[in-house]
Amino acid sequence: MMRLRFFLPLFFLCCTATHAAELRNLTLGLVSPNLSTQLPIVVAEQAGFFKDEGLSVHAVTIASGGTLMVAILTSGHADLVVSGVAAIMRAIDRGAPVTVVSGFQNKIDFALIGAKGIRRLEDLKGKTVGVTSAGSFSEFAVLEALRRRGFTRDKEYKLIAAGSTHFRIGALKGGKVDAIPLSSGERHTLEDEGFPLLLEVEKSFLKFRWLSWLQRSSLPPGSRTWSCDLFAALADRCN
């Protein structure tokens, strides 16, 4: 009996170690710290859905534009990335060896928030808007949404790179810019502080896969099951 008591814990320990060793490591590059991007990954990780699909997922947030996300993917520093579709299409058009494997988000989770002295969108004329960076999804969303409202860049307003969410908020509060795009979580915080909502950016666009999953086109044999297992964890379990 004593021998059995000794070997049973050892047996279960060995089985657990073997199972853990069988998990495939997968690095995800996420373009935004916003809740709409992070939440599905966090839920699947904490609930064990990734592990159920044989994956050990390490998510890295790089709050930058899609151009950098494509570079991170093609250099091998990430296995899949989530990025804005505008930068992805530009990269593919220029010959980047990447493939869109799935959509991720079908609406633009941005609102244009103004400085406290600006009350209407029309007050933005002659002012400065701060986006993440050149070529970023926030730049595309702001440019196109304002264009559809009759605003032309460098004519009615100026557009500058102000960095990720934290830095954009700092630039707005510090008076360096007059408006910034923010996602739902951050925008409500600033609205509560008295910063005005100037434009619901998502209402300027049709529903579309504005954020998408991206994978390298050329992968070792068997690697394409990464994305299948990942989506099984996200879609089948989280929906």
C-alpha atoms as a PDB file:
ATOM      1  CA  MET A   1       0.000   0.000   0.000  1.00  0.00           C
ATOM      2  CA  MET A   2       2.842   2.387   0.890  1.00  0.00           C
ATOM      3  CA  ARG A   3       4.505   1.628  -2.453  1.00  0.00           C
ATOM      4  CA  LEU A   4       1.239   2.385  -4.264  1.00  0.00           C
ATOM      5  CA  ARG A   5       0.876   5.686  -2.399  1.00  0.00           C
ATOM      6  CA  PHE A   6       4.369   6.636  -3.504  1.00  0.00           C
ATOM      7  CA  PHE A   7       3.955   5.769  -7.166  1.00  0.00           C
ATOM      8  CA  LEU A   8       0.500   7.286  -7.748  1.00  0.00           C
ATOM      9  CA  PRO A   9       1.602  10.937  -7.243  1.00  0.00           C
ATOM     10  CA  LEU A  10       4.710  10.246  -9.305  1.00  0.00           C
ATOM     11  CA  PHE A  11       2.549   8.778 -12.088  1.00  0.00           C
ATOM     12  CA  PHE A  12       0.250  11.823 -12.211  1.00  0.00           C
ATOM     13  CA  LEU A  13       3.236  14.174 -12.082  1.00  0.00           C
ATOM     14  CA  CYS A  14       4.816  12.432 -15.067  1.00  0.00           C
ATOM     15  CA  CYS A  15       1.545  12.547 -17.013  1.00  0.00           C
ATOM     16  CA  THR A  16       1.170  16.262 -16.333  1.00  0.00           C
ATOM     17  CA  ALA A  17       4.733  16.984 -17.415  1.00  0.00           C
ATOM     18  CA  THR A  18       4.270  14.964 -20.594  1.00  0.00           C
ATOM     19  CA  HIS A  19       1.050  16.806 -21.427  1.00  0.00           C
ATOM     20  CA  ALA A  20       2.705  20.179 -20.856  1.00  0.00           C
ATOM     21  CA  ALA A  21       5.605  19.172 -23.079  1.00  0.00           C
ATOM     22  CA  GLU A  22       3.174  18.388 -25.883  1.00  0.00           C
ATOM     23  CA  LEU A  23       1.783  21.927 -25.953  1.00  0.00           C
ATOM     24  CA  ARG A  24       2.873  23.916 -29.004  1.00  0.00           C
ATOM     25  CA  ASN A  25       4.251  27.350 -28.259  1.00  0.00           C
ATOM     26  CA  LEU A  26       2.508  30.108 -30.189  1.00  0.00           C
ATOM     27  CA  THR A  27       3.370  33.806 -30.116  1.00  0.00           C
ATOM     28  CA  LEU A  28       0.610  36.275 -30.980  1.00  0.00           C
ATOM     29  CA  GLY A  29       1.238  39.904 -31.862  1.00  0.00           C
ATOM     30  CA  LEU A  30      -1.661  42.179 -30.907  1.00  0.00           C
ATOM     31  CA  VAL A  31      -1.780  45.663 -32.378  1.00  0.00           C
ATOM     32  CA  SER A  32      -3.752  47.289 -29.572  1.00  0.00           C
ATOM     33  CA  PRO A  33      -4.104  47.174 -25.770  1.00  0.00           C
ATOM     34  CA  ASN A  34      -7.816  47.939 -26.183  1.00  0.00           C
ATOM     35  CA  LEU A  35     -10.330  45.687 -24.458  1.00  0.00           C
ATOM     36  CA  SER A  36     -11.976  44.719 -27.748  1.00  0.00           C
ATOM     37  CA  THR A  37      -8.670  43.228 -28.933  1.00  0.00           C
ATOM     38  CA  GLN A  38      -7.414  41.761 -25.668  1.00  0.00           C
ATOM     39  CA  LEU A  39     -10.547  40.263 -24.095  1.00  0.00           C
ATOM     40  CA  PRO A  40     -11.016  37.165 -26.329  1.00  0.00           C
ATOM     41  CA  ILE A  41      -7.355  36.218 -25.842  1.00  0.00           C
ATOM     42  CA  VAL A  42      -7.466  36.726 -22.065  1.00  0.00           C
ATOM     43  CA  VAL A  43     -10.679  34.711 -21.688  1.00  0.00           C
ATOM     44  CA  ALA A  44      -9.380  31.807 -23.777  1.00  0.00           C
ATOM     45  CA  GLU A  45      -6.089  31.778 -21.862  1.00  0.00           C
ATOM     46  CA  GLN A  46      -7.511  31.971 -18.346  1.00  0.00           C
ATOM     47  CA  ALA A  47     -10.307  29.499 -19.061  1.00  0.00           C
ATOM     48  CA  GLY A  48      -7.823  26.971 -20.445  1.00  0.00           C
ATOM     49  CA  PHE A  49      -9.293  26.914 -23.966  1.00  0.00           C
ATOM     50  CA  PHE A  50      -5.877  27.271 -25.614  1.00  0.00           C
ATOM     51  CA  LYS A  51      -4.481  24.418 -23.550  1.00  0.00           C
ATOM     52  CA  ASP A  52      -7.467  22.259 -24.511  1.00  0.00           C
ATOM     53  CA  GLU A  53      -6.415  22.741 -28.143  1.00  0.00           C
ATOM     54  CA  GLY A  54      -2.800  21.826 -27.393  1.00  0.00           C
ATOM     55  CA  LEU A  55      -1.462  25.385 -27.433  1.00  0.00           C
ATOM     56  CA  SER A  56       0.697  27.425 -25.100  1.00  0.00           C
ATOM     57  CA  VAL A  57      -0.063  30.976 -26.198  1.00  0.00           C
ATOM     58  CA  HIS A  58       2.105  34.001 -25.460  1.00  0.00           C
ATOM     59  CA  ALA A  59       0.431  37.250 -26.483  1.00  0.00           C
ATOM     60  CA  VAL A  60       2.547  40.361 -26.992  1.00  0.00           C
ATOM     61  CA  THR A  61       1.004  43.795 -27.451  1.00  0.00           C
ATOM     62  CA  ILE A  62       2.843  46.132 -29.797  1.00  0.00           C
ATOM     63  CA  ALA A  63       0.842  49.359 -29.772  1.00  0.00           C
ATOM     64  CA  SER A  64       1.983  50.558 -33.160  1.00  0.00           C
ATOM     65  CA  GLY A  65       0.895  50.604 -36.771  1.00  0.00           C
ATOM     66  CA  GLY A  66       0.190  47.668 -39.035  1.00  0.00           C
ATOM     67  CA  THR A  67       3.445  48.227 -40.946  1.00  0.00           C
ATOM     68  CA  LEU A  68       5.442  47.246 -37.854  1.00  0.00           C
ATOM     69  CA  MET A  69       3.112  44.299 -37.173  1.00  0.00           C
ATOM     70  CA  VAL A  70       3.778  42.910 -40.653  1.00  0.00           C
ATOM     71  CA  ALA A  71       7.535  43.297 -40.097  1.00  0.00           C
ATOM     72  CA  ILE A  72       7.328  41.442 -36.770  1.00  0.00           C
ATOM     73  CA  LEU A  73       5.456  38.617 -38.477  1.00  0.00           C
ATOM     74  CA  THR A  74       7.742  38.241 -41.494  1.00  0.00           C
ATOM     75  CA  SER A  75      10.864  38.355 -39.286  1.00  0.00           C
ATOM     76  CA  GLY A  76       9.601  35.355 -37.318  1.00  0.00           C
ATOM     77  CA  HIS A  77       9.119  37.169 -34.009  1.00  0.00           C
ATOM     78  CA  ALA A  78       5.417  36.235 -34.034  1.00  0.00           C
ATOM     79  CA  ASP A  79       3.460  33.311 -35.473  1.00  0.00           C
ATOM     80  CA  LEU A  80       0.224  35.244 -36.021  1.00  0.00           C
ATOM     81  CA  VAL A  81      -0.674  38.899 -35.605  1.00  0.00           C
ATOM     82  CA  VAL A  82      -3.847  40.950 -35.374  1.00  0.00           C
ATOM     83  CA  SER A  83      -3.619  44.135 -37.384  1.00  0.00           C
ATOM     84  CA  GLY A  84      -5.670  46.714 -39.223  1.00  0.00           C
ATOM     85  CA  VAL A  85      -6.671  45.578 -42.680  1.00  0.00           C
ATOM     86  CA  ALA A  86      -5.519  48.768 -44.423  1.00  0.00           C
ATOM     87  CA  ALA A  87      -1.833  48.200 -43.600  1.00  0.00           C
ATOM     88  CA  ILE A  88      -2.205  44.491 -44.376  1.00  0.00           C
ATOM     89  CA  MET A  89      -3.554  45.155 -47.865  1.00  0.00           C
ATOM     90  CA  ARG A  90      -0.781  47.664 -48.569  1.00  0.00           C
ATOM     91  CA  ALA A  91       1.839  45.144 -47.448  1.00  0.00           C
ATOM     92  CA  ILE A  92       0.410  42.333 -49.576  1.00  0.00           C
ATOM     93  CA  ASP A  93       0.189  44.666 -52.570  1.00  0.00           C
ATOM     94  CA  ARG A  94       3.900  45.410 -52.144  1.00  0.00           C
ATOM     95  CA  GLY A  95       4.749  41.714 -52.102  1.00  0.00           C
ATOM     96  CA  ALA A  96       4.972  40.933 -48.379  1.00  0.00           C
ATOM     97  CA  PRO A  97       4.880  37.123 -47.872  1.00  0.00           C
ATOM     98  CA  VAL A  98       1.834  37.155 -45.594  1.00  0.00           C
ATOM     99  CA  THR A  99      -1.698  35.772 -45.770  1.00  0.00           C
ATOM    100  CA  VAL A 100      -4.955  36.879 -44.143  1.00  0.00           C
ATOM    101  CA  VAL A 101      -6.355  33.783 -42.452  1.00  0.00           C
ATOM    102  CA  SER A 102      -9.388  35.205 -40.653  1.00  0.00           C
ATOM    103  CA  GLY A 103     -11.262  38.330 -39.695  1.00  0.00           C
ATOM    104  CA  PHE A 104     -11.147  39.462 -36.076  1.00  0.00           C
ATOM    105  CA  GLN A 105     -13.346  42.524 -35.615  1.00  0.00           C
ATOM    106  CA  ASN A 106     -16.108  43.713 -37.917  1.00  0.00           C
ATOM    107  CA  LYS A 107     -16.435  47.306 -36.786  1.00  0.00           C
ATOM    108  CA  ILE A 108     -14.111  50.202 -36.079  1.00  0.00           C
ATOM    109  CA  ASP A 109     -13.970  50.654 -32.321  1.00  0.00           C
ATOM    110  CA  PHE A 110     -12.934  54.301 -32.455  1.00  0.00           C
ATOM    111  CA  ALA A 111     -14.457  57.618 -31.491  1.00  0.00           C
ATOM    112  CA  LEU A 112     -12.850  60.993 -32.079  1.00  0.00           C
ATOM    113  CA  ILE A 113     -12.475  62.794 -28.742  1.00  0.00           C
ATOM    114  CA  GLY A 114     -11.728  66.521 -28.687  1.00  0.00           C
ATOM    115  CA  ALA A 115      -9.991  68.880 -26.306  1.00  0.00           C
ATOM    116  CA  LYS A 116     -12.210  70.620 -23.781  1.00  0.00           C
ATOM    117  CA  GLY A 117     -12.296  73.825 -25.802  1.00  0.00           C
ATOM    118  CA  ILE A 118     -13.748  72.064 -28.846  1.00  0.00           C
ATOM    119  CA  ARG A 119     -17.451  71.263 -28.841  1.00  0.00           C
ATOM    120  CA  ARG A 120     -18.359  70.336 -32.403  1.00  0.00           C
ATOM    121  CA  LEU A 121     -16.642  68.592 -35.274  1.00  0.00           C
ATOM    122  CA  GLU A 122     -16.696  71.859 -37.214  1.00  0.00           C
ATOM    123  CA  ASP A 123     -14.491  73.406 -34.508  1.00  0.00           C
ATOM    124  CA  LEU A 124     -11.716  71.023 -35.594  1.00  0.00           C
ATOM    125  CA  LYS A 125     -10.930  73.113 -38.674  1.00  0.00           C
ATOM    126  CA  GLY A 126      -7.429  74.518 -38.415  1.00  0.00           C
ATOM    127  CA  LYS A 127      -6.642  72.148 -35.528  1.00  0.00           C
ATOM    128  CA  THR A 128      -4.377  69.112 -35.035  1.00  0.00           C
ATOM    129  CA  VAL A 129      -5.434  65.471 -34.710  1.00  0.00           C
ATOM    130  CA  GLY A 130      -3.075  62.942 -33.124  1.00  0.00           C
ATOM    131  CA  VAL A 131      -3.066  59.298 -34.334  1.00  0.00           C
ATOM    132  CA  THR A 132      -0.858  56.328 -33.447  1.00  0.00           C
ATOM    133  CA  SER A 133       1.639  56.568 -36.304  1.00  0.00           C
ATOM    134  CA  ALA A 134       1.973  56.915 -40.062  1.00  0.00           C
ATOM    135  CA  GLY A 135       0.397  53.907 -41.760  1.00  0.00           C
ATOM    136  CA  SER A 136      -1.473  52.857 -38.620  1.00  0.00           C
ATOM    137  CA  PHE A 137      -5.090  51.790 -38.569  1.00  0.00           C
ATOM    138  CA  SER A 138      -6.053  54.812 -36.483  1.00  0.00           C
ATOM    139  CA  GLU A 139      -4.569  57.058 -39.168  1.00  0.00           C
ATOM    140  CA  PHE A 140      -6.616  55.325 -41.870  1.00  0.00           C
ATOM    141  CA  ALA A 141      -9.820  55.456 -39.796  1.00  0.00           C
ATOM    142  CA  VAL A 142      -9.479  59.149 -38.958  1.00  0.00           C
ATOM    143  CA  LEU A 143      -8.459  60.197 -42.473  1.00  0.00           C
ATOM    144  CA  GLU A 144     -11.351  58.361 -44.100  1.00  0.00           C
ATOM    145  CA  ALA A 145     -13.991  59.309 -41.520  1.00  0.00           C
ATOM    146  CA  LEU A 146     -13.092  62.994 -41.733  1.00  0.00           C
ATOM    147  CA  ARG A 147     -12.888  62.869 -45.527  1.00  0.00           C
ATOM    148  CA  ARG A 148     -16.462  61.622 -45.597  1.00  0.00           C
ATOM    149  CA  ARG A 149     -17.428  64.632 -43.479  1.00  0.00           C
ATOM    150  CA  GLY A 150     -15.797  67.062 -45.903  1.00  0.00           C
ATOM    151  CA  PHE A 151     -12.453  67.486 -44.116  1.00  0.00           C
ATOM    152  CA  THR A 152      -9.230  67.376 -46.144  1.00  0.00           C
ATOM    153  CA  ARG A 153      -5.905  66.685 -44.465  1.00  0.00           C
ATOM    154  CA  ASP A 154      -3.462  69.635 -44.443  1.00  0.00           C
ATOM    155  CA  LYS A 155      -6.280  71.889 -45.597  1.00  0.00           C
ATOM    156  CA  GLU A 156      -8.945  71.789 -42.887  1.00  0.00           C
ATOM    157  CA  TYR A 157      -6.796  70.072 -40.248  1.00  0.00           C
ATOM    158  CA  LYS A 158      -3.323  68.708 -39.516  1.00  0.00           C
ATOM    159  CA  LEU A 159      -2.559  65.069 -38.692  1.00  0.00           C
ATOM    160  CA  ILE A 160       0.449  64.022 -36.593  1.00  0.00           C
ATOM    161  CA  ALA A 161       1.803  60.827 -35.015  1.00  0.00           C
ATOM    162  CA  ALA A 162       1.142  60.967 -31.260  1.00  0.00           C
ATOM    163  CA  GLY A 163       1.894  57.366 -30.262  1.00  0.00           C
ATOM    164  CA  SER A 164      -0.103  54.643 -28.550  1.00  0.00           C
ATOM    165  CA  THR A 165      -3.232  55.227 -26.480  1.00  0.00           C
ATOM    166  CA  HIS A 166      -1.444  56.391 -23.336  1.00  0.00           C
ATOM    167  CA  PHE A 167       0.664  58.919 -25.238  1.00  0.00           C
ATOM    168  CA  ARG A 168      -2.287  60.184 -27.295  1.00  0.00           C
ATOM    169  CA  ILE A 169      -4.262  60.869 -24.137  1.00  0.00           C
ATOM    170  CA  GLY A 170      -1.271  62.668 -22.662  1.00  0.00           C
ATOM    171  CA  ALA A 171      -0.902  64.766 -25.821  1.00  0.00           C
ATOM    172  CA  LEU A 172      -4.602  65.709 -25.703  1.00  0.00           C
ATOM    173  CA  LYS A 173      -4.534  66.659 -22.026  1.00  0.00           C
ATOM    174  CA  GLY A 174      -1.258  68.513 -22.512  1.00  0.00           C
ATOM    175  CA  GLY A 175      -2.628  70.634 -25.359  1.00  0.00           C
ATOM    176  CA  LYS A 176      -0.269  69.221 -27.988  1.00  0.00           C
ATOM    177  CA  VAL A 177      -3.190  67.967 -30.106  1.00  0.00           C
ATOM    178  CA  ASP A 178      -6.839  68.997 -30.363  1.00  0.00           C
ATOM    179  CA  ALA A 179      -8.429  65.584 -30.954  1.00  0.00           C
ATOM    180  CA  ILE A 180      -7.513  61.895 -30.836  1.00  0.00           C
ATOM    181  CA  PRO A 181      -9.179  58.582 -31.752  1.00  0.00           C
ATOM    182  CA  LEU A 182      -9.910  56.317 -28.788  1.00  0.00           C
ATOM    183  CA  SER A 183     -11.567  52.955 -28.339  1.00  0.00           C
ATOM    184  CA  SER A 184     -14.692  52.444 -26.261  1.00  0.00           C
ATOM    185  CA  GLY A 185     -12.989  51.835 -22.912  1.00  0.00           C
ATOM    186  CA  GLU A 186     -10.746  54.893 -22.943  1.00  0.00           C
ATOM    187  CA  ARG A 187     -13.238  57.254 -24.590  1.00  0.00           C
ATOM    188  CA  HIS A 188     -15.812  56.894 -21.823  1.00  0.00           C
ATOM    189  CA  THR A 189     -13.195  57.677 -19.204  1.00  0.00           C
ATOM    190  CA  LEU A 190     -12.295  60.916 -20.974  1.00  0.00           C
ATOM    191  CA  GLU A 191     -15.935  61.803 -21.599  1.00  0.00           C
ATOM    192  CA  ASP A 192     -16.529  61.501 -17.853  1.00  0.00           C
ATOM    193  CA  GLU A 193     -13.683  63.991 -17.390  1.00  0.00           C
ATOM    194  CA  GLY A 194     -15.398  66.498 -19.668  1.00  0.00           C
ATOM    195  CA  PHE A 195     -13.679  65.843 -22.989  1.00  0.00           C
ATOM    196  CA  PRO A 196     -16.262  66.053 -25.817  1.00  0.00           C
ATOM    197  CA  LEU A 197     -17.202  63.348 -28.299  1.00  0.00           C
ATOM    198  CA  LEU A 198     -16.771  64.819 -31.778  1.00  0.00           C
ATOM    199  CA  LEU A 199     -17.426  61.830 -34.030  1.00  0.00           C
ATOM    200  CA  GLU A 200     -18.392  58.167 -33.789  1.00  0.00           C
ATOM    201  CA  VAL A 201     -15.860  56.908 -36.313  1.00  0.00           C
ATOM    202  CA  GLU A 202     -17.517  53.509 -36.748  1.00  0.00           C
ATOM    203  CA  LYS A 203     -20.713  55.140 -38.063  1.00  0.00           C
ATOM    204  CA  SER A 204     -18.773  56.387 -41.090  1.00  0.00           C
ATOM    205  CA  PHE A 205     -18.072  52.834 -42.272  1.00  0.00           C
ATOM    206  CA  LEU A 206     -19.928  49.692 -43.244  1.00  0.00           C
ATOM    207  CA  LYS A 207     -19.324  46.538 -41.228  1.00  0.00           C
ATOM    208  CA  PHE A 208     -16.175  44.885 -42.494  1.00  0.00           C
ATOM    209  CA  ARG A 209     -13.295  42.819 -41.125  1.00  0.00           C
ATOM    210  CA  TRP A 210     -11.319  45.902 -40.164  1.00  0.00           C
ATOM    211  CA  LEU A 211      -9.018  43.912 -37.900  1.00  0.00           C
ATOM    212  CA  SER A 212      -7.733  40.598 -39.221  1.00  0.00           C
ATOM    213  CA  TRP A 213      -5.478  37.689 -38.308  1.00  0.00           C
ATOM    214  CA  LEU A 214      -2.327  37.505 -40.395  1.00  0.00           C
ATOM    215  CA  GLN A 215       0.097  34.615 -40.912  1.00  0.00           C
ATOM    216  CA  ARG A 216       3.272  34.094 -42.920  1.00  0.00           C
ATOM    217  CA  SER A 217       2.574  32.608 -46.352  1.00  0.00           C
ATOM    218  CA  SER A 218       5.472  30.147 -46.206  1.00  0.00           C
ATOM    219  CA  LEU A 219       5.481  27.945 -43.101  1.00  0.00           C
ATOM    220  CA  PRO A 220       7.012  24.571 -42.154  1.00  0.00           C
ATOM    221  CA  PRO A 221       4.797  21.504 -42.737  1.00  0.00           C
ATOM    222  CA  GLY A 222       2.095  21.216 -40.092  1.00  0.00           C
ATOM    223  CA  SER A 223       2.381  24.825 -38.981  1.00  0.00           C
ATOM    224  CA  ARG A 224      -0.918  25.834 -40.558  1.00  0.00           C
ATOM    225  CA  THR A 225      -2.742  23.882 -37.834  1.00  0.00           C
ATOM    226  CA  TRP A 226      -1.679  26.670 -35.443  1.00  0.00           C
ATOM    227  CA  SER A 227      -4.336  28.986 -36.753  1.00  0.00           C
ATOM    228  CA  CYS A 228      -6.982  26.237 -36.900  1.00  0.00           C
ATOM    229  CA  ASP A 229      -6.393  25.309 -33.253  1.00  0.00           C
ATOM    230  CA  LEU A 230      -6.297  28.952 -32.212  1.00  0.00           C
ATOM    231  CA  PHE A 231      -9.611  29.721 -33.885  1.00  0.00           C
ATOM    232  CA  ALA A 232     -11.165  26.586 -32.395  1.00  0.00           C
ATOM    233  CA  ALA A 233     -10.276  27.909 -28.947  1.00  0.00           C
ATOM    234  CA  LEU A 234     -11.568  31.418 -29.693  1.00  0.00           C
ATOM    235  CA  ALA A 235     -14.659  30.705 -31.768  1.00  0.00           C
ATOM    236  CA  ASP A 236     -16.019  27.394 -30.505  1.00  0.00           C
ATOM    237  CA  ARG A 237     -15.357  28.081 -26.851  1.00  0.00           C
ATOM    238  CA  CYS A 238     -15.723  31.848 -26.469  1.00  0.00           C
ATOM    239  CA  ASN A 239     -18.919  32.313 -28.495  1.00  0.00           C
END
